[in-house]
Amino acid sequence: MVELASCPKDGTIMSWGEKIPPNKVIAHHINERFRLGAKSLEEDGIWFNY
């Protein structure tokens, strides 16, 4: 699975208060992220094997 996300220039703060600096943020840290092939946040994206 490939997920795409962007974060603020200062990083992000998790719901429990942990601050993640921008150079350590991964897509999983961001709530609004897209999966490869998805046209909206509600879509599951395209699943494939490689």
PDB file of N, CA and C in Angstrom:
ATOM      1  N   MET A   1       0.854  -1.162   0.000  1.00  0.00           N
ATOM      2  CA  MET A   1       0.000   0.000   0.000  1.00  0.00           C
ATOM      3  C   MET A   1       0.899   1.225   0.000  1.00  0.00           C
ATOM      4  N   VAL A   2       0.519   2.211  -0.789  1.00  0.00           N
ATOM      5  CA  VAL A   2       1.235   3.485  -0.839  1.00  0.00           C
ATOM      6  C   VAL A   2       0.272   4.566  -0.385  1.00  0.00           C
ATOM      7  N   GLU A   3       0.673   5.335   0.623  1.00  0.00           N
ATOM      8  CA  GLU A   3      -0.152   6.422   1.136  1.00  0.00           C
ATOM      9  C   GLU A   3       0.598   7.734   0.984  1.00  0.00           C
ATOM     10  N   LEU A   4      -0.156   8.784   0.679  1.00  0.00           N
ATOM     11  CA  LEU A   4       0.407  10.120   0.507  1.00  0.00           C
ATOM     12  C   LEU A   4      -0.210  11.053   1.526  1.00  0.00           C
ATOM     13  N   ALA A   5       0.613  11.904   2.111  1.00  0.00           N
ATOM     14  CA  ALA A   5       0.122  12.890   3.067  1.00  0.00           C
ATOM     15  C   ALA A   5       1.091  14.063   3.098  1.00  0.00           C
ATOM     16  N   SER A   6       0.637  15.173   3.607  1.00  0.00           N
ATOM     17  CA  SER A   6       1.531  16.309   3.825  1.00  0.00           C
ATOM     18  C   SER A   6       1.297  16.816   5.241  1.00  0.00           C
ATOM     19  N   CYS A   7       2.337  17.389   5.817  1.00  0.00           N
ATOM     20  CA  CYS A   7       2.225  17.877   7.184  1.00  0.00           C
ATOM     21  C   CYS A   7       2.627  19.343   7.230  1.00  0.00           C
ATOM     22  N   PRO A   8       2.219  20.036   8.273  1.00  0.00           N
ATOM     23  CA  PRO A   8       2.652  21.426   8.447  1.00  0.00           C
ATOM     24  C   PRO A   8       4.176  21.501   8.565  1.00  0.00           C
ATOM     25  N   LYS A   9       4.742  22.656   8.269  1.00  0.00           N
ATOM     26  CA  LYS A   9       6.198  22.801   8.291  1.00  0.00           C
ATOM     27  C   LYS A   9       6.797  22.576   9.677  1.00  0.00           C
ATOM     28  N   ASP A  10       5.984  22.680  10.728  1.00  0.00           N
ATOM     29  CA  ASP A  10       6.459  22.452  12.089  1.00  0.00           C
ATOM     30  C   ASP A  10       6.286  21.008  12.549  1.00  0.00           C
ATOM     31  N   GLY A  11       5.789  20.133  11.700  1.00  0.00           N
ATOM     32  CA  GLY A  11       5.518  18.756  12.072  1.00  0.00           C
ATOM     33  C   GLY A  11       4.063  18.606  12.471  1.00  0.00           C
ATOM     34  N   THR A  12       3.776  17.627  13.312  1.00  0.00           N
ATOM     35  CA  THR A  12       2.394  17.384  13.729  1.00  0.00           C
ATOM     36  C   THR A  12       2.365  16.972  15.198  1.00  0.00           C
ATOM     37  N   ILE A  13       1.221  17.126  15.819  1.00  0.00           N
ATOM     38  CA  ILE A  13       1.032  16.720  17.209  1.00  0.00           C
ATOM     39  C   ILE A  13      -0.021  15.624  17.233  1.00  0.00           C
ATOM     40  N   MET A  14       0.333  14.496  17.826  1.00  0.00           N
ATOM     41  CA  MET A  14      -0.573  13.360  17.889  1.00  0.00           C
ATOM     42  C   MET A  14      -1.676  13.631  18.907  1.00  0.00           C
ATOM     43  N   SER A  15      -2.757  12.867  18.859  1.00  0.00           N
ATOM     44  CA  SER A  15      -3.911  13.091  19.738  1.00  0.00           C
ATOM     45  C   SER A  15      -3.549  12.966  21.215  1.00  0.00           C
ATOM     46  N   TRP A  16      -2.496  12.227  21.534  1.00  0.00           N
ATOM     47  CA  TRP A  16      -2.079  12.057  22.932  1.00  0.00           C
ATOM     48  C   TRP A  16      -1.019  13.088  23.350  1.00  0.00           C
ATOM     49  N   GLY A  17      -0.712  14.050  22.435  1.00  0.00           N
ATOM     50  CA  GLY A  17       0.175  15.150  22.777  1.00  0.00           C
ATOM     51  C   GLY A  17       1.612  15.025  22.300  1.00  0.00           C
ATOM     52  N   GLU A  18       1.991  13.885  21.761  1.00  0.00           N
ATOM     53  CA  GLU A  18       3.366  13.710  21.277  1.00  0.00           C
ATOM     54  C   GLU A  18       3.592  14.574  20.039  1.00  0.00           C
ATOM     55  N   LYS A  19       4.675  15.352  20.041  1.00  0.00           N
ATOM     56  CA  LYS A  19       5.019  16.187  18.892  1.00  0.00           C
ATOM     57  C   LYS A  19       5.978  15.422  17.995  1.00  0.00           C
ATOM     58  N   ILE A  20       5.633  15.309  16.723  1.00  0.00           N
ATOM     59  CA  ILE A  20       6.475  14.625  15.740  1.00  0.00           C
ATOM     60  C   ILE A  20       7.097  15.704  14.864  1.00  0.00           C
ATOM     61  N   PRO A  21       8.437  15.824  14.842  1.00  0.00           N
ATOM     62  CA  PRO A  21       9.075  16.843  14.005  1.00  0.00           C
ATOM     63  C   PRO A  21       8.885  16.514  12.523  1.00  0.00           C
ATOM     64  N   PRO A  22       8.943  17.527  11.661  1.00  0.00           N
ATOM     65  CA  PRO A  22       8.652  17.303  10.237  1.00  0.00           C
ATOM     66  C   PRO A  22       9.572  16.282   9.566  1.00  0.00           C
ATOM     67  N   ASN A  23      10.806  16.147  10.024  1.00  0.00           N
ATOM     68  CA  ASN A  23      11.716  15.173   9.397  1.00  0.00           C
ATOM     69  C   ASN A  23      11.469  13.745   9.870  1.00  0.00           C
ATOM     70  N   LYS A  24      10.548  13.553  10.810  1.00  0.00           N
ATOM     71  CA  LYS A  24      10.204  12.210  11.315  1.00  0.00           C
ATOM     72  C   LYS A  24       8.769  11.799  10.987  1.00  0.00           C
ATOM     73  N   VAL A  25       7.968  12.728  10.457  1.00  0.00           N
ATOM     74  CA  VAL A  25       6.568  12.434  10.149  1.00  0.00           C
ATOM     75  C   VAL A  25       6.480  11.445   8.989  1.00  0.00           C
ATOM     76  N   ILE A  26       5.607  10.449   9.156  1.00  0.00           N
ATOM     77  CA  ILE A  26       5.284   9.533   8.063  1.00  0.00           C
ATOM     78  C   ILE A  26       3.780   9.658   7.793  1.00  0.00           C
ATOM     79  N   ALA A  27       3.310   9.136   6.688  1.00  0.00           N
ATOM     80  CA  ALA A  27       1.893   9.265   6.314  1.00  0.00           C
ATOM     81  C   ALA A  27       0.975   8.753   7.421  1.00  0.00           C
ATOM     82  N   HIS A  28       1.392   7.728   8.135  1.00  0.00           N
ATOM     83  CA  HIS A  28       0.559   7.146   9.196  1.00  0.00           C
ATOM     84  C   HIS A  28       0.267   8.144  10.322  1.00  0.00           C
ATOM     85  N   HIS A  29       1.126   9.130  10.519  1.00  0.00           N
ATOM     86  CA  HIS A  29       0.926  10.146  11.561  1.00  0.00           C
ATOM     87  C   HIS A  29      -0.162  11.158  11.199  1.00  0.00           C
ATOM     88  N   ILE A  30      -0.515  11.263   9.934  1.00  0.00           N
ATOM     89  CA  ILE A  30      -1.455  12.275   9.458  1.00  0.00           C
ATOM     90  C   ILE A  30      -2.830  11.645   9.263  1.00  0.00           C
ATOM     91  N   ASN A  31      -3.875  12.269   9.814  1.00  0.00           N
ATOM     92  CA  ASN A  31      -5.229  11.719   9.690  1.00  0.00           C
ATOM     93  C   ASN A  31      -5.748  11.785   8.265  1.00  0.00           C
ATOM     94  N   GLU A  32      -5.540  12.884   7.580  1.00  0.00           N
ATOM     95  CA  GLU A  32      -6.026  13.021   6.200  1.00  0.00           C
ATOM     96  C   GLU A  32      -4.923  12.611   5.246  1.00  0.00           C
ATOM     97  N   ARG A  33      -5.040  11.401   4.727  1.00  0.00           N
ATOM     98  CA  ARG A  33      -4.059  10.892   3.786  1.00  0.00           C
ATOM     99  C   ARG A  33      -4.773  10.116   2.685  1.00  0.00           C
ATOM    100  N   PHE A  34      -4.154  10.050   1.540  1.00  0.00           N
ATOM    101  CA  PHE A  34      -4.726   9.352   0.390  1.00  0.00           C
ATOM    102  C   PHE A  34      -3.952   8.077   0.124  1.00  0.00           C
ATOM    103  N   ARG A  35      -4.655   7.053  -0.302  1.00  0.00           N
ATOM    104  CA  ARG A  35      -4.005   5.845  -0.797  1.00  0.00           C
ATOM    105  C   ARG A  35      -3.851   5.973  -2.299  1.00  0.00           C
ATOM    106  N   LEU A  36      -2.809   5.368  -2.829  1.00  0.00           N
ATOM    107  CA  LEU A  36      -2.531   5.431  -4.256  1.00  0.00           C
ATOM    108  C   LEU A  36      -3.769   5.024  -5.048  1.00  0.00           C
ATOM    109  N   GLY A  37      -4.197   5.868  -5.956  1.00  0.00           N
ATOM    110  CA  GLY A  37      -5.349   5.584  -6.798  1.00  0.00           C
ATOM    111  C   GLY A  37      -6.666   6.088  -6.255  1.00  0.00           C
ATOM    112  N   ALA A  38      -6.712   6.521  -4.992  1.00  0.00           N
ATOM    113  CA  ALA A  38      -7.961   7.011  -4.410  1.00  0.00           C
ATOM    114  C   ALA A  38      -8.278   8.400  -4.959  1.00  0.00           C
ATOM    115  N   LYS A  39      -9.546   8.645  -5.232  1.00  0.00           N
ATOM    116  CA  LYS A  39      -9.972   9.950  -5.724  1.00  0.00           C
ATOM    117  C   LYS A  39     -10.511  10.825  -4.595  1.00  0.00           C
ATOM    118  N   SER A  40     -10.692  10.231  -3.410  1.00  0.00           N
ATOM    119  CA  SER A  40     -11.178  10.979  -2.251  1.00  0.00           C
ATOM    120  C   SER A  40     -10.697  10.269  -0.991  1.00  0.00           C
ATOM    121  N   LEU A  41     -10.853  10.917   0.158  1.00  0.00           N
ATOM    122  CA  LEU A  41     -10.440  10.308   1.431  1.00  0.00           C
ATOM    123  C   LEU A  41     -11.292   9.089   1.771  1.00  0.00           C
ATOM    124  N   GLU A  42     -12.527   9.035   1.250  1.00  0.00           N
ATOM    125  CA  GLU A  42     -13.426   7.919   1.555  1.00  0.00           C
ATOM    126  C   GLU A  42     -13.106   6.668   0.742  1.00  0.00           C
ATOM    127  N   GLU A  43     -12.440   6.826  -0.396  1.00  0.00           N
ATOM    128  CA  GLU A  43     -12.127   5.694  -1.262  1.00  0.00           C
ATOM    129  C   GLU A  43     -10.967   4.880  -0.703  1.00  0.00           C
ATOM    130  N   ASP A  44     -10.987   3.593  -0.915  1.00  0.00           N
ATOM    131  CA  ASP A  44      -9.963   2.693  -0.398  1.00  0.00           C
ATOM    132  C   ASP A  44      -8.698   2.691  -1.246  1.00  0.00           C
ATOM    133  N   GLY A  45      -8.737   3.197  -2.457  1.00  0.00           N
ATOM    134  CA  GLY A  45      -7.565   3.207  -3.322  1.00  0.00           C
ATOM    135  C   GLY A  45      -7.463   1.937  -4.141  1.00  0.00           C
ATOM    136  N   ILE A  46      -6.346   1.783  -4.819  1.00  0.00           N
ATOM    137  CA  ILE A  46      -6.116   0.633  -5.690  1.00  0.00           C
ATOM    138  C   ILE A  46      -5.159  -0.321  -4.979  1.00  0.00           C
ATOM    139  N   TRP A  47      -5.591  -1.538  -4.787  1.00  0.00           N
ATOM    140  CA  TRP A  47      -4.734  -2.554  -4.162  1.00  0.00           C
ATOM    141  C   TRP A  47      -4.075  -3.382  -5.255  1.00  0.00           C
ATOM    142  N   PHE A  48      -2.808  -3.660  -5.104  1.00  0.00           N
ATOM    143  CA  PHE A  48      -2.098  -4.430  -6.108  1.00  0.00           C
ATOM    144  C   PHE A  48      -0.951  -5.178  -5.452  1.00  0.00           C
ATOM    145  N   ASN A  49      -0.470  -6.203  -6.131  1.00  0.00           N
ATOM    146  CA  ASN A  49       0.700  -6.959  -5.685  1.00  0.00           C
ATOM    147  C   ASN A  49       1.838  -6.677  -6.647  1.00  0.00           C
ATOM    148  N   TYR A  50       3.039  -6.610  -6.111  1.00  0.00           N
ATOM    149  CA  TYR A  50       4.212  -6.436  -6.972  1.00  0.00           C
ATOM    150  C   TYR A  50       5.390  -7.192  -6.402  1.00  0.00           C
TER     151      TYR A  50
END
